[in-house]
Amino acid sequence: MDGQKLSHVDETGAARMVDVTAKPHTARSACARARVWLPPEVMAALEGNEINGPKGAVVATARIAGIQAAKRTWELIPLCHPLLLGKIDLTHRFEGDELVLEATVACKGPTGVEMEALTAVSVAALTVYDMTKALSHETEIRSTGLVFKRGGKSDHGA
């Protein structure tokens, strides 16, 4: 962290929105992943037709919720900039007893889209929990993290 400082905190320690007015609009993308552990009774309800559960289309609903959340990240995270998103792709797969959700978000803009990708998978995971809690309150959102971000000066490609 040599010479680095928090970008959303000013010299007095107050929270601030980063000024991106002089930054060029470039292609930017990010991917985030969330892992949701599903208890056996929840996994059994989803087995055979993985989108159906006690409230209907669990994974399909979670996908739409995640997409909507990505578009509204700037309203949820106080210092995020509103961005015109060009792509939001939210996918899922089952790995053992986990549902793995991944969101890839892209835009041409002055700032990155990692918060939008992270928000998408977080809200999708919460939606899965909400829609399956009638079967079990033991579902766990075990991890959420950034897979990669591309574009801008802090490009962290996968």
C-alpha atoms as a PDB file:
ATOM      1  CA  MET A   1       0.000   0.000   0.000  1.00  0.00           C
ATOM      2  CA  ASP A   2       2.945   2.326  -0.526  1.00  0.00           C
ATOM      3  CA  GLY A   3       1.580   5.796  -1.215  1.00  0.00           C
ATOM      4  CA  GLN A   4      -1.961   4.545  -1.746  1.00  0.00           C
ATOM      5  CA  LYS A   5      -4.924   6.091  -0.004  1.00  0.00           C
ATOM      6  CA  LEU A   6      -8.636   5.552   0.151  1.00  0.00           C
ATOM      7  CA  SER A   7     -10.164   7.170  -2.924  1.00  0.00           C
ATOM      8  CA  HIS A   8     -13.542   7.803  -1.301  1.00  0.00           C
ATOM      9  CA  VAL A   9     -12.147   9.686   1.700  1.00  0.00           C
ATOM     10  CA  ASP A  10     -10.877  13.273   1.491  1.00  0.00           C
ATOM     11  CA  GLU A  11      -7.899  14.795   3.328  1.00  0.00           C
ATOM     12  CA  THR A  12     -10.107  15.580   6.354  1.00  0.00           C
ATOM     13  CA  GLY A  13     -11.383  12.005   6.605  1.00  0.00           C
ATOM     14  CA  ALA A  14     -14.848  12.774   5.216  1.00  0.00           C
ATOM     15  CA  ALA A  15     -16.520  10.469   2.695  1.00  0.00           C
ATOM     16  CA  ARG A  16     -16.578  11.837  -0.849  1.00  0.00           C
ATOM     17  CA  MET A  17     -17.564  10.830  -4.337  1.00  0.00           C
ATOM     18  CA  VAL A  18     -14.544  10.439  -6.610  1.00  0.00           C
ATOM     19  CA  ASP A  19     -14.377  13.055  -9.381  1.00  0.00           C
ATOM     20  CA  VAL A  20     -14.340  11.182 -12.704  1.00  0.00           C
ATOM     21  CA  THR A  21     -15.216  14.140 -14.941  1.00  0.00           C
ATOM     22  CA  ALA A  22     -11.765  14.259 -16.555  1.00  0.00           C
ATOM     23  CA  LYS A  23     -11.418  10.504 -17.025  1.00  0.00           C
ATOM     24  CA  PRO A  24     -11.824   9.108 -20.543  1.00  0.00           C
ATOM     25  CA  HIS A  25     -14.728   6.824 -21.339  1.00  0.00           C
ATOM     26  CA  THR A  26     -13.125   3.460 -22.029  1.00  0.00           C
ATOM     27  CA  ALA A  27     -14.339  -0.124 -22.250  1.00  0.00           C
ATOM     28  CA  ARG A  28     -14.545  -1.642 -18.777  1.00  0.00           C
ATOM     29  CA  SER A  29     -15.769  -4.995 -17.516  1.00  0.00           C
ATOM     30  CA  ALA A  30     -15.848  -6.996 -14.325  1.00  0.00           C
ATOM     31  CA  CYS A  31     -16.918 -10.434 -13.180  1.00  0.00           C
ATOM     32  CA  ALA A  32     -17.976 -11.380  -9.655  1.00  0.00           C
ATOM     33  CA  ARG A  33     -18.913 -14.714  -8.142  1.00  0.00           C
ATOM     34  CA  ALA A  34     -21.083 -15.782  -5.205  1.00  0.00           C
ATOM     35  CA  ARG A  35     -21.268 -19.282  -3.787  1.00  0.00           C
ATOM     36  CA  VAL A  36     -24.475 -20.376  -2.059  1.00  0.00           C
ATOM     37  CA  TRP A  37     -24.455 -23.599  -0.047  1.00  0.00           C
ATOM     38  CA  LEU A  38     -27.799 -25.367  -0.297  1.00  0.00           C
ATOM     39  CA  PRO A  39     -28.959 -27.825   2.377  1.00  0.00           C
ATOM     40  CA  PRO A  40     -30.021 -31.241   1.069  1.00  0.00           C
ATOM     41  CA  GLU A  41     -33.759 -30.465   1.243  1.00  0.00           C
ATOM     42  CA  VAL A  42     -33.296 -27.317  -0.855  1.00  0.00           C
ATOM     43  CA  MET A  43     -31.047 -29.086  -3.352  1.00  0.00           C
ATOM     44  CA  ALA A  44     -33.637 -31.887  -3.620  1.00  0.00           C
ATOM     45  CA  ALA A  45     -36.380 -29.340  -4.393  1.00  0.00           C
ATOM     46  CA  LEU A  46     -34.258 -27.884  -7.183  1.00  0.00           C
ATOM     47  CA  GLU A  47     -33.084 -31.241  -8.568  1.00  0.00           C
ATOM     48  CA  GLY A  48     -34.507 -32.472 -11.839  1.00  0.00           C
ATOM     49  CA  ASN A  49     -35.656 -29.034 -12.911  1.00  0.00           C
ATOM     50  CA  GLU A  50     -33.095 -26.707 -11.368  1.00  0.00           C
ATOM     51  CA  ILE A  51     -35.130 -23.544 -11.850  1.00  0.00           C
ATOM     52  CA  ASN A  52     -38.191 -24.719  -9.942  1.00  0.00           C
ATOM     53  CA  GLY A  53     -38.622 -24.475  -6.208  1.00  0.00           C
ATOM     54  CA  PRO A  54     -41.348 -23.787  -3.647  1.00  0.00           C
ATOM     55  CA  LYS A  55     -41.943 -20.229  -4.922  1.00  0.00           C
ATOM     56  CA  GLY A  56     -41.548 -20.915  -8.629  1.00  0.00           C
ATOM     57  CA  ALA A  57     -38.572 -20.223 -10.822  1.00  0.00           C
ATOM     58  CA  VAL A  58     -35.898 -19.748  -8.146  1.00  0.00           C
ATOM     59  CA  VAL A  59     -32.780 -19.389 -10.273  1.00  0.00           C
ATOM     60  CA  ALA A  60     -34.561 -17.484 -13.035  1.00  0.00           C
ATOM     61  CA  THR A  61     -35.963 -15.025 -10.493  1.00  0.00           C
ATOM     62  CA  ALA A  62     -32.551 -14.661  -8.833  1.00  0.00           C
ATOM     63  CA  ARG A  63     -31.029 -13.916 -12.248  1.00  0.00           C
ATOM     64  CA  ILE A  64     -33.513 -11.114 -12.945  1.00  0.00           C
ATOM     65  CA  ALA A  65     -33.070  -9.722  -9.410  1.00  0.00           C
ATOM     66  CA  GLY A  66     -29.303  -9.642  -9.926  1.00  0.00           C
ATOM     67  CA  ILE A  67     -29.617  -7.864 -13.257  1.00  0.00           C
ATOM     68  CA  GLN A  68     -31.953  -5.279 -11.740  1.00  0.00           C
ATOM     69  CA  ALA A  69     -29.584  -4.777  -8.815  1.00  0.00           C
ATOM     70  CA  ALA A  70     -26.595  -4.183 -11.095  1.00  0.00           C
ATOM     71  CA  LYS A  71     -28.533  -1.422 -12.860  1.00  0.00           C
ATOM     72  CA  ARG A  72     -29.357   0.195  -9.512  1.00  0.00           C
ATOM     73  CA  THR A  73     -25.987  -0.128  -7.787  1.00  0.00           C
ATOM     74  CA  TRP A  74     -25.533   3.644  -7.744  1.00  0.00           C
ATOM     75  CA  GLU A  75     -28.755   3.913  -5.701  1.00  0.00           C
ATOM     76  CA  LEU A  76     -27.659   1.254  -3.198  1.00  0.00           C
ATOM     77  CA  ILE A  77     -23.977   2.082  -2.652  1.00  0.00           C
ATOM     78  CA  PRO A  78     -23.811   5.749  -1.603  1.00  0.00           C
ATOM     79  CA  LEU A  79     -20.670   6.856  -3.472  1.00  0.00           C
ATOM     80  CA  CYS A  80     -21.043   4.841  -6.691  1.00  0.00           C
ATOM     81  CA  HIS A  81     -21.535   6.686  -9.959  1.00  0.00           C
ATOM     82  CA  PRO A  82     -24.558   5.982 -12.152  1.00  0.00           C
ATOM     83  CA  LEU A  83     -23.303   4.163 -15.254  1.00  0.00           C
ATOM     84  CA  LEU A  84     -24.890   3.286 -18.566  1.00  0.00           C
ATOM     85  CA  LEU A  85     -24.327  -0.462 -18.518  1.00  0.00           C
ATOM     86  CA  GLY A  86     -23.972  -2.135 -21.889  1.00  0.00           C
ATOM     87  CA  LYS A  87     -23.965  -5.730 -20.653  1.00  0.00           C
ATOM     88  CA  ILE A  88     -25.102  -7.657 -17.612  1.00  0.00           C
ATOM     89  CA  ASP A  89     -24.802 -11.423 -17.863  1.00  0.00           C
ATOM     90  CA  LEU A  90     -25.702 -13.461 -14.786  1.00  0.00           C
ATOM     91  CA  THR A  91     -25.097 -17.205 -15.033  1.00  0.00           C
ATOM     92  CA  HIS A  92     -25.335 -20.127 -12.632  1.00  0.00           C
ATOM     93  CA  ARG A  93     -24.044 -23.633 -12.224  1.00  0.00           C
ATOM     94  CA  PHE A  94     -24.264 -26.293  -9.548  1.00  0.00           C
ATOM     95  CA  GLU A  95     -21.029 -27.566  -8.003  1.00  0.00           C
ATOM     96  CA  GLY A  96     -21.721 -30.286  -5.481  1.00  0.00           C
ATOM     97  CA  ASP A  97     -23.966 -28.769  -2.822  1.00  0.00           C
ATOM     98  CA  GLU A  98     -23.363 -25.186  -3.949  1.00  0.00           C
ATOM     99  CA  LEU A  99     -25.067 -22.907  -6.422  1.00  0.00           C
ATOM    100  CA  VAL A 100     -22.408 -20.750  -8.073  1.00  0.00           C
ATOM    101  CA  LEU A 101     -23.625 -17.416  -9.437  1.00  0.00           C
ATOM    102  CA  GLU A 102     -21.442 -15.301 -11.740  1.00  0.00           C
ATOM    103  CA  ALA A 103     -22.157 -11.843 -13.108  1.00  0.00           C
ATOM    104  CA  THR A 104     -20.210 -10.175 -15.892  1.00  0.00           C
ATOM    105  CA  VAL A 105     -20.917  -6.490 -16.362  1.00  0.00           C
ATOM    106  CA  ALA A 106     -19.528  -4.163 -19.045  1.00  0.00           C
ATOM    107  CA  CYS A 107     -19.800  -0.539 -20.083  1.00  0.00           C
ATOM    108  CA  LYS A 108     -17.949   2.292 -21.761  1.00  0.00           C
ATOM    109  CA  GLY A 109     -17.457   4.835 -19.061  1.00  0.00           C
ATOM    110  CA  PRO A 110     -15.116   6.766 -16.794  1.00  0.00           C
ATOM    111  CA  THR A 111     -15.091   4.254 -13.942  1.00  0.00           C
ATOM    112  CA  GLY A 112     -15.143   0.505 -13.426  1.00  0.00           C
ATOM    113  CA  VAL A 113     -18.097  -1.817 -12.985  1.00  0.00           C
ATOM    114  CA  GLU A 114     -16.862  -4.145 -10.262  1.00  0.00           C
ATOM    115  CA  MET A 115     -19.411  -2.814  -7.765  1.00  0.00           C
ATOM    116  CA  GLU A 116     -22.201  -3.555 -10.249  1.00  0.00           C
ATOM    117  CA  ALA A 117     -20.970  -7.137 -10.723  1.00  0.00           C
ATOM    118  CA  LEU A 118     -20.624  -7.656  -6.960  1.00  0.00           C
ATOM    119  CA  THR A 119     -24.071  -6.186  -6.327  1.00  0.00           C
ATOM    120  CA  ALA A 120     -25.608  -8.438  -8.988  1.00  0.00           C
ATOM    121  CA  VAL A 121     -24.351 -11.693  -7.463  1.00  0.00           C
ATOM    122  CA  SER A 122     -25.062 -10.526  -3.913  1.00  0.00           C
ATOM    123  CA  VAL A 123     -28.705  -9.736  -4.640  1.00  0.00           C
ATOM    124  CA  ALA A 124     -29.087 -12.918  -6.714  1.00  0.00           C
ATOM    125  CA  ALA A 125     -27.771 -14.953  -3.769  1.00  0.00           C
ATOM    126  CA  LEU A 126     -30.112 -13.172  -1.353  1.00  0.00           C
ATOM    127  CA  THR A 127     -33.018 -13.906  -3.702  1.00  0.00           C
ATOM    128  CA  VAL A 128     -32.170 -17.625  -3.692  1.00  0.00           C
ATOM    129  CA  TYR A 129     -32.159 -17.527   0.108  1.00  0.00           C
ATOM    130  CA  ASP A 130     -35.482 -15.701   0.220  1.00  0.00           C
ATOM    131  CA  MET A 131     -37.158 -18.060  -2.232  1.00  0.00           C
ATOM    132  CA  THR A 132     -35.962 -21.242  -0.507  1.00  0.00           C
ATOM    133  CA  LYS A 133     -36.252 -20.276   3.169  1.00  0.00           C
ATOM    134  CA  ALA A 134     -39.615 -22.053   3.404  1.00  0.00           C
ATOM    135  CA  LEU A 135     -37.629 -25.290   3.137  1.00  0.00           C
ATOM    136  CA  SER A 136     -34.647 -24.297   5.263  1.00  0.00           C
ATOM    137  CA  HIS A 137     -33.057 -21.314   6.959  1.00  0.00           C
ATOM    138  CA  GLU A 138     -29.684 -23.069   6.809  1.00  0.00           C
ATOM    139  CA  THR A 139     -28.818 -21.940   3.278  1.00  0.00           C
ATOM    140  CA  GLU A 140     -25.512 -20.065   3.453  1.00  0.00           C
ATOM    141  CA  ILE A 141     -24.091 -17.388   1.209  1.00  0.00           C
ATOM    142  CA  ARG A 142     -20.542 -18.584   1.700  1.00  0.00           C
ATOM    143  CA  SER A 143     -18.476 -16.236  -0.406  1.00  0.00           C
ATOM    144  CA  THR A 144     -18.788 -13.292  -2.724  1.00  0.00           C
ATOM    145  CA  GLY A 145     -15.827 -11.835  -4.518  1.00  0.00           C
ATOM    146  CA  LEU A 146     -14.365 -10.229  -7.585  1.00  0.00           C
ATOM    147  CA  VAL A 147     -13.112 -12.641 -10.257  1.00  0.00           C
ATOM    148  CA  PHE A 148     -11.652  -9.931 -12.513  1.00  0.00           C
ATOM    149  CA  LYS A 149     -11.939  -6.328 -13.581  1.00  0.00           C
ATOM    150  CA  ARG A 150     -10.670  -5.022 -16.903  1.00  0.00           C
ATOM    151  CA  GLY A 151     -10.098  -1.515 -18.182  1.00  0.00           C
ATOM    152  CA  GLY A 152      -8.917   1.603 -16.461  1.00  0.00           C
ATOM    153  CA  LYS A 153      -5.604   2.034 -14.680  1.00  0.00           C
ATOM    154  CA  SER A 154      -6.205  -0.752 -12.143  1.00  0.00           C
ATOM    155  CA  ASP A 155      -6.860  -3.545 -14.657  1.00  0.00           C
ATOM    156  CA  HIS A 156      -6.866  -6.881 -12.792  1.00  0.00           C
ATOM    157  CA  GLY A 157      -7.576  -9.366 -15.578  1.00  0.00           C
ATOM    158  CA  ALA A 158      -8.166 -13.037 -14.909  1.00  0.00           C
END
